[in-house]
Amino acid sequence: MKTIYTHLFALCFLALCSCDSNDTTTETSTADLPETEEAIEEELVPANMAPEFVEVLEAHGGLANWNNVKGLSFLINGFPTGDGDRTISDYHKVNLGNRYHQIEGEGYEIVSRGDTTWVTPDMQVTGVPPRLYQGASFYLMGMPFVFADAGLTVTYAGEAEFGEETVDQFNVQVPDEMGDGGNDYQLYTDPTTHQLKYSTFSVNYPAVADMDLRQMVEFNEWQTVDGLIVPSVIVLYTAQGEITEGTPGSTISFERVAFSENPFDDSVFDTPEDAMVDETAYTK
């Protein structure tokens, strides 16, 4: 089977909602309180996700903890390039509120703000489209929390057989107008620990959408940082058509992971000097 090392799709933005009240005191009557466990669960579980997926998020430290952090930085090692002859190692800074993202590698820089991604010195620095790489690296680091983004829908599909394992399956629907391709994901979690074990998906990034690429992520090791359980070592499999038992994988590690209560200064995401815009998300 011909294997092509091209990776993921790009951004979905985290929507954080807050409500302010001018009242200094609040009276709550018993009539305002939910009367049953079902009613309590309905109030506490976001409308876009299955209650079972909340257990997955809790097993990784909880969505509230993820929403409370504003900045994320990490070093990624071993990300494969398009030609398969080398791997990428670089340092990332992400503001989680608006998903602004800066990447510094040896001799190159990538900055992404919203719909625009800049790269210097040229488009070949990552071996795949820089915007594609930027989105892929963050999504791999941010699973499972990125699937709680507003606009996505997570449903519980019940128990499933994955290879020789019995796992819980979740299906994630990404709208076509969201991000750079509208991927749908399948998530497979441990039925006992509720932690994420595998994810599978098709790659619909516009520049490679006609290549029929399929990917699988195997989560081999986790690390706990500030109470959040995030990936430490994963294996990424990529193939045309379907992933098979013989599909080779690429081991990717995440190091120097740090969360911040404050976002990075906006100047971190300034457009690099003499940078060019990656327009591969808009053309096929």
Protein backbone atom coordinates (compact mmCIF):
# COMPACT_ATOMS: atom_id res chain seq x y z
CA MET A 1 0.00 0.00 0.00
CA LYS A 2 1.34 3.39 -0.95
CA THR A 3 1.70 5.52 2.17
CA ILE A 4 1.67 9.30 2.02
CA TYR A 5 2.69 11.39 5.01
CA THR A 6 0.29 14.27 4.87
CA HIS A 7 -1.54 15.41 7.95
CA LEU A 8 -4.90 16.44 9.29
CA PHE A 9 -6.92 19.60 8.71
CA ALA A 10 -6.75 22.96 10.37
CA LEU A 11 -8.54 25.22 12.84
CA CYS A 12 -11.74 25.18 14.79
CA PHE A 13 -12.08 28.09 17.21
CA LEU A 14 -12.81 27.70 20.91
CA ALA A 15 -15.82 29.74 21.97
CA LEU A 16 -15.82 30.74 25.62
CA CYS A 17 -19.03 32.21 27.00
CA SER A 18 -19.39 34.23 30.20
CA CYS A 19 -22.31 35.88 31.88
CA ASP A 20 -22.12 38.91 34.19
CA SER A 21 -24.73 39.95 36.70
CA ASN A 22 -25.15 43.31 38.40
CA ASP A 23 -27.07 41.78 41.31
CA THR A 24 -25.14 41.51 44.56
CA THR A 25 -27.51 38.90 45.96
CA THR A 26 -29.41 36.11 44.29
CA GLU A 27 -32.41 34.26 45.58
CA THR A 28 -33.03 30.78 44.21
CA SER A 29 -36.34 29.07 44.81
CA THR A 30 -36.76 25.33 44.83
CA ALA A 31 -38.88 25.73 41.71
CA ASP A 32 -35.76 26.89 39.83
CA LEU A 33 -33.79 23.76 40.68
CA PRO A 34 -33.83 20.59 38.54
CA GLU A 35 -35.92 17.90 40.20
CA THR A 36 -34.37 14.73 38.80
CA GLU A 37 -30.96 13.30 37.95
CA GLU A 38 -31.93 13.47 34.30
CA ALA A 39 -32.73 17.17 34.60
CA ILE A 40 -29.47 17.85 36.43
CA GLU A 41 -27.52 15.99 33.75
CA GLU A 42 -29.32 17.90 31.01
CA GLU A 43 -28.32 21.24 32.59
CA LEU A 44 -24.69 20.27 33.15
CA VAL A 45 -23.95 18.55 29.83
CA PRO A 46 -23.37 20.86 26.84
CA ALA A 47 -25.98 20.37 24.14
CA ASN A 48 -23.36 19.48 21.52
CA MET A 49 -21.97 16.41 23.27
CA ALA A 50 -23.12 13.09 24.65
CA PRO A 51 -23.04 12.74 28.46
CA GLU A 52 -20.65 9.81 28.04
CA PHE A 53 -18.13 12.14 26.37
CA VAL A 54 -18.15 14.35 29.45
CA GLU A 55 -16.73 11.31 31.28
CA VAL A 56 -13.93 11.18 28.72
CA LEU A 57 -13.12 14.84 29.30
CA GLU A 58 -13.20 14.31 33.06
CA ALA A 59 -10.80 11.38 32.68
CA HIS A 60 -8.37 13.83 31.07
CA GLY A 61 -8.69 16.51 33.74
CA GLY A 62 -12.03 18.10 32.95
CA LEU A 63 -13.32 20.62 30.43
CA ALA A 64 -13.53 23.35 33.09
CA ASN A 65 -9.79 23.07 33.73
CA TRP A 66 -9.08 23.21 29.98
CA ASN A 67 -11.27 26.29 29.59
CA ASN A 68 -9.51 28.00 32.50
CA VAL A 69 -6.11 27.97 30.80
CA LYS A 70 -5.41 30.63 28.19
CA GLY A 71 -2.01 29.73 26.77
CA LEU A 72 -0.35 26.47 25.66
CA SER A 73 3.24 25.84 24.61
CA PHE A 74 4.95 22.60 23.60
CA LEU A 75 7.83 21.09 21.67
CA ILE A 76 6.87 18.53 19.03
CA ASN A 77 9.33 15.88 17.84
CA GLY A 78 9.06 13.38 15.00
CA PHE A 79 6.28 14.84 12.86
CA PRO A 80 6.75 13.27 9.38
CA THR A 81 7.10 15.38 6.27
CA GLY A 82 5.52 14.90 2.86
CA ASP A 83 8.55 13.21 1.33
CA GLY A 84 9.06 10.90 4.31
CA ASP A 85 12.81 11.60 4.33
CA ARG A 86 12.85 13.75 7.46
CA THR A 87 10.80 14.64 10.49
CA ILE A 88 9.91 17.97 12.05
CA SER A 89 10.88 19.23 15.51
CA ASP A 90 9.74 22.72 16.50
CA TYR A 91 8.32 24.84 19.32
CA HIS A 92 4.70 26.00 19.49
CA LYS A 93 2.80 28.76 21.28
CA VAL A 94 -1.00 28.83 21.14
CA ASN A 95 -3.56 31.21 22.60
CA LEU A 96 -6.47 28.91 23.33
CA GLY A 97 -9.15 31.61 23.27
CA ASN A 98 -8.65 32.66 19.66
CA ARG A 99 -6.35 29.80 18.54
CA TYR A 100 -3.60 32.16 17.38
CA HIS A 101 -0.58 29.93 16.82
CA GLN A 102 3.14 30.57 16.40
CA ILE A 103 5.69 27.91 15.43
CA GLU A 104 9.45 28.34 15.55
CA GLY A 105 11.66 25.77 13.88
CA GLU A 106 15.25 25.66 12.73
CA GLY A 107 15.41 28.42 10.13
CA TYR A 108 11.65 28.95 9.77
CA GLU A 109 8.62 30.51 11.44
CA ILE A 110 4.88 29.99 10.98
CA VAL A 111 2.20 32.30 12.37
CA SER A 112 -1.53 31.63 12.11
CA ARG A 113 -4.22 34.16 13.00
CA GLY A 114 -7.75 33.17 12.12
CA ASP A 115 -8.13 32.50 8.40
CA THR A 116 -4.56 33.51 7.51
CA THR A 117 -1.29 31.62 7.95
CA TRP A 118 2.09 33.18 7.20
CA VAL A 119 5.35 31.30 6.72
CA THR A 120 8.96 32.26 6.24
CA PRO A 121 11.23 31.69 4.38
CA ASP A 122 9.18 29.50 2.00
CA MET A 123 6.30 27.04 1.69
CA GLN A 124 8.55 23.96 1.77
CA VAL A 125 9.81 24.34 5.35
CA THR A 126 7.47 21.69 6.79
CA GLY A 127 7.21 19.36 3.81
CA VAL A 128 3.41 19.70 3.91
CA PRO A 129 1.36 22.91 3.60
CA PRO A 130 2.30 25.02 6.67
CA ARG A 131 -1.35 25.75 7.51
CA LEU A 132 -2.13 22.05 7.37
CA TYR A 133 0.82 21.30 9.67
CA GLN A 134 -0.14 24.06 12.09
CA GLY A 135 -3.69 22.76 12.46
CA ALA A 136 -2.59 19.14 12.66
CA SER A 137 -0.02 19.71 15.38
CA PHE A 138 -2.46 21.56 17.60
CA TYR A 139 -5.28 19.06 17.10
CA LEU A 140 -3.03 16.13 17.97
CA MET A 141 -1.85 17.91 21.11
CA GLY A 142 -5.33 19.08 22.11
CA MET A 143 -7.27 15.82 21.86
CA PRO A 144 -9.79 15.11 23.35
CA PHE A 145 -10.52 18.69 24.48
CA VAL A 146 -10.64 20.18 20.97
CA PHE A 147 -13.75 18.09 20.30
CA ALA A 148 -15.65 20.15 22.88
CA ASP A 149 -15.41 23.20 20.58
CA ALA A 150 -18.64 25.04 19.89
CA GLY A 151 -20.14 23.92 16.60
CA LEU A 152 -18.96 20.31 16.80
CA THR A 153 -21.32 17.48 17.65
CA VAL A 154 -20.15 14.45 19.65
CA THR A 155 -22.41 11.39 19.84
CA TYR A 156 -21.95 8.10 21.66
CA ALA A 157 -22.10 5.08 19.35
CA GLY A 158 -21.83 2.42 22.06
CA GLU A 159 -19.33 -0.39 22.44
CA ALA A 160 -17.25 -1.36 19.42
CA GLU A 161 -14.54 -3.82 18.47
CA PHE A 162 -11.27 -2.15 17.52
CA GLY A 163 -8.84 -4.80 16.44
CA GLU A 164 -8.98 -7.28 19.31
CA GLU A 165 -10.10 -4.68 21.85
CA THR A 166 -13.54 -3.73 23.11
CA VAL A 167 -13.79 0.05 23.31
CA ASP A 168 -16.38 2.81 23.53
CA GLN A 169 -16.90 4.66 20.25
CA PHE A 170 -17.77 8.33 19.78
CA ASN A 171 -18.49 10.05 16.48
CA VAL A 172 -17.53 13.70 16.01
CA GLN A 173 -19.24 15.70 13.29
CA VAL A 174 -17.48 18.82 12.01
CA PRO A 175 -19.61 21.12 9.81
CA ASP A 176 -18.31 21.69 6.28
CA GLU A 177 -18.09 25.44 6.88
CA MET A 178 -15.93 24.98 9.97
CA GLY A 179 -12.14 24.87 9.74
CA ASP A 180 -10.43 23.97 6.48
CA GLY A 181 -12.20 20.83 5.44
CA GLY A 182 -14.95 19.65 7.75
CA ASN A 183 -13.52 16.32 8.90
CA ASP A 184 -15.56 13.76 10.79
CA TYR A 185 -13.71 11.84 13.50
CA GLN A 186 -14.21 8.52 15.23
CA LEU A 187 -12.89 8.33 18.80
CA TYR A 188 -12.28 5.10 20.70
CA THR A 189 -11.87 5.18 24.47
CA ASP A 190 -11.06 2.72 27.23
CA PRO A 191 -14.40 1.59 28.75
CA THR A 192 -12.82 1.42 32.22
CA THR A 193 -10.58 4.49 32.42
CA HIS A 194 -12.53 6.48 29.77
CA GLN A 195 -9.24 7.78 28.38
CA LEU A 196 -8.73 8.17 24.66
CA LYS A 197 -7.00 5.25 22.92
CA TYR A 198 -7.48 5.78 19.17
CA SER A 199 -8.87 8.26 16.69
CA THR A 200 -9.56 7.72 12.99
CA PHE A 201 -10.56 10.19 10.28
CA SER A 202 -10.31 11.11 6.62
CA VAL A 203 -8.17 14.07 5.54
CA ASN A 204 -10.34 16.64 3.78
CA TYR A 205 -7.90 19.56 3.68
CA PRO A 206 -8.60 21.21 0.30
CA ALA A 207 -5.09 20.86 -1.15
CA VAL A 208 -5.08 17.08 -0.59
CA ALA A 209 -8.79 16.25 -0.52
CA ASP A 210 -8.61 14.29 -3.78
CA MET A 211 -5.88 11.96 -2.45
CA ASP A 212 -8.30 9.77 -0.43
CA LEU A 213 -6.11 9.91 2.68
CA ARG A 214 -7.13 8.11 5.84
CA GLN A 215 -5.40 8.52 9.21
CA MET A 216 -5.34 6.86 12.61
CA VAL A 217 -3.82 8.12 15.85
CA GLU A 218 -2.78 5.66 18.54
CA PHE A 219 -2.29 7.29 21.95
CA ASN A 220 0.55 5.38 23.59
CA GLU A 221 1.56 7.59 26.52
CA TRP A 222 -0.03 10.43 28.44
CA GLN A 223 1.40 13.13 30.69
CA THR A 224 -0.22 15.20 33.42
CA VAL A 225 0.42 18.94 33.26
CA ASP A 226 -1.36 21.25 35.71
CA GLY A 227 -4.06 18.63 36.25
CA LEU A 228 -4.72 18.08 32.53
CA ILE A 229 -3.87 14.70 30.99
CA VAL A 230 -2.53 15.37 27.49
CA PRO A 231 -0.64 13.31 24.89
CA SER A 232 3.02 12.49 25.47
CA VAL A 233 3.69 9.88 22.75
CA ILE A 234 1.41 9.02 19.83
CA VAL A 235 1.74 6.98 16.65
CA LEU A 236 0.26 8.51 13.50
CA TYR A 237 -0.69 6.22 10.61
CA THR A 238 -1.47 7.62 7.14
CA ALA A 239 -2.50 5.74 4.00
CA GLN A 240 -4.51 6.06 0.84
CA GLY A 241 -7.83 4.31 1.23
CA GLU A 242 -7.86 2.42 4.53
CA ILE A 243 -5.40 1.90 7.37
CA THR A 244 -4.38 -1.77 7.46
CA GLU A 245 -2.34 -3.89 9.83
CA GLY A 246 0.74 -3.34 7.68
CA THR A 247 0.46 0.45 7.44
CA PRO A 248 3.65 1.99 8.88
CA GLY A 249 3.31 4.55 11.63
CA SER A 250 5.28 7.62 12.72
CA THR A 251 6.03 8.10 16.42
CA ILE A 252 5.48 11.69 17.55
CA SER A 253 6.30 13.05 21.01
CA PHE A 254 5.21 16.19 22.86
CA GLU A 255 7.70 17.67 25.31
CA ARG A 256 8.05 20.81 27.44
CA VAL A 257 4.27 21.09 27.60
CA ALA A 258 3.15 24.11 29.63
CA PHE A 259 -0.16 25.82 30.28
CA SER A 260 -0.59 29.45 31.30
CA GLU A 261 -3.42 31.27 33.05
CA ASN A 262 -2.68 34.24 30.80
CA PRO A 263 -2.57 34.36 27.00
CA PHE A 264 0.63 35.14 25.15
CA ASP A 265 1.15 38.76 24.19
CA ASP A 266 -0.28 39.65 20.78
CA SER A 267 3.20 40.55 19.57
CA VAL A 268 4.09 36.84 19.61
CA PHE A 269 1.75 36.44 16.65
CA ASP A 270 2.99 39.37 14.58
CA THR A 271 3.43 38.63 10.89
CA PRO A 272 7.03 37.49 10.28
CA GLU A 273 9.18 39.77 8.16
CA ASP A 274 9.17 38.86 4.46
CA ALA A 275 6.60 36.11 5.11
CA MET A 276 4.33 34.64 2.47
CA VAL A 277 0.70 33.61 2.90
CA ASP A 278 -0.21 29.92 2.69
CA GLU A 279 -3.26 29.79 0.42
CA THR A 280 -3.49 25.99 0.13
CA ALA A 281 -6.67 25.93 2.25
CA TYR A 282 -8.52 27.78 -0.49
CA THR A 283 -7.45 25.89 -3.60
CA LYS A 284 -7.55 22.24 -4.64
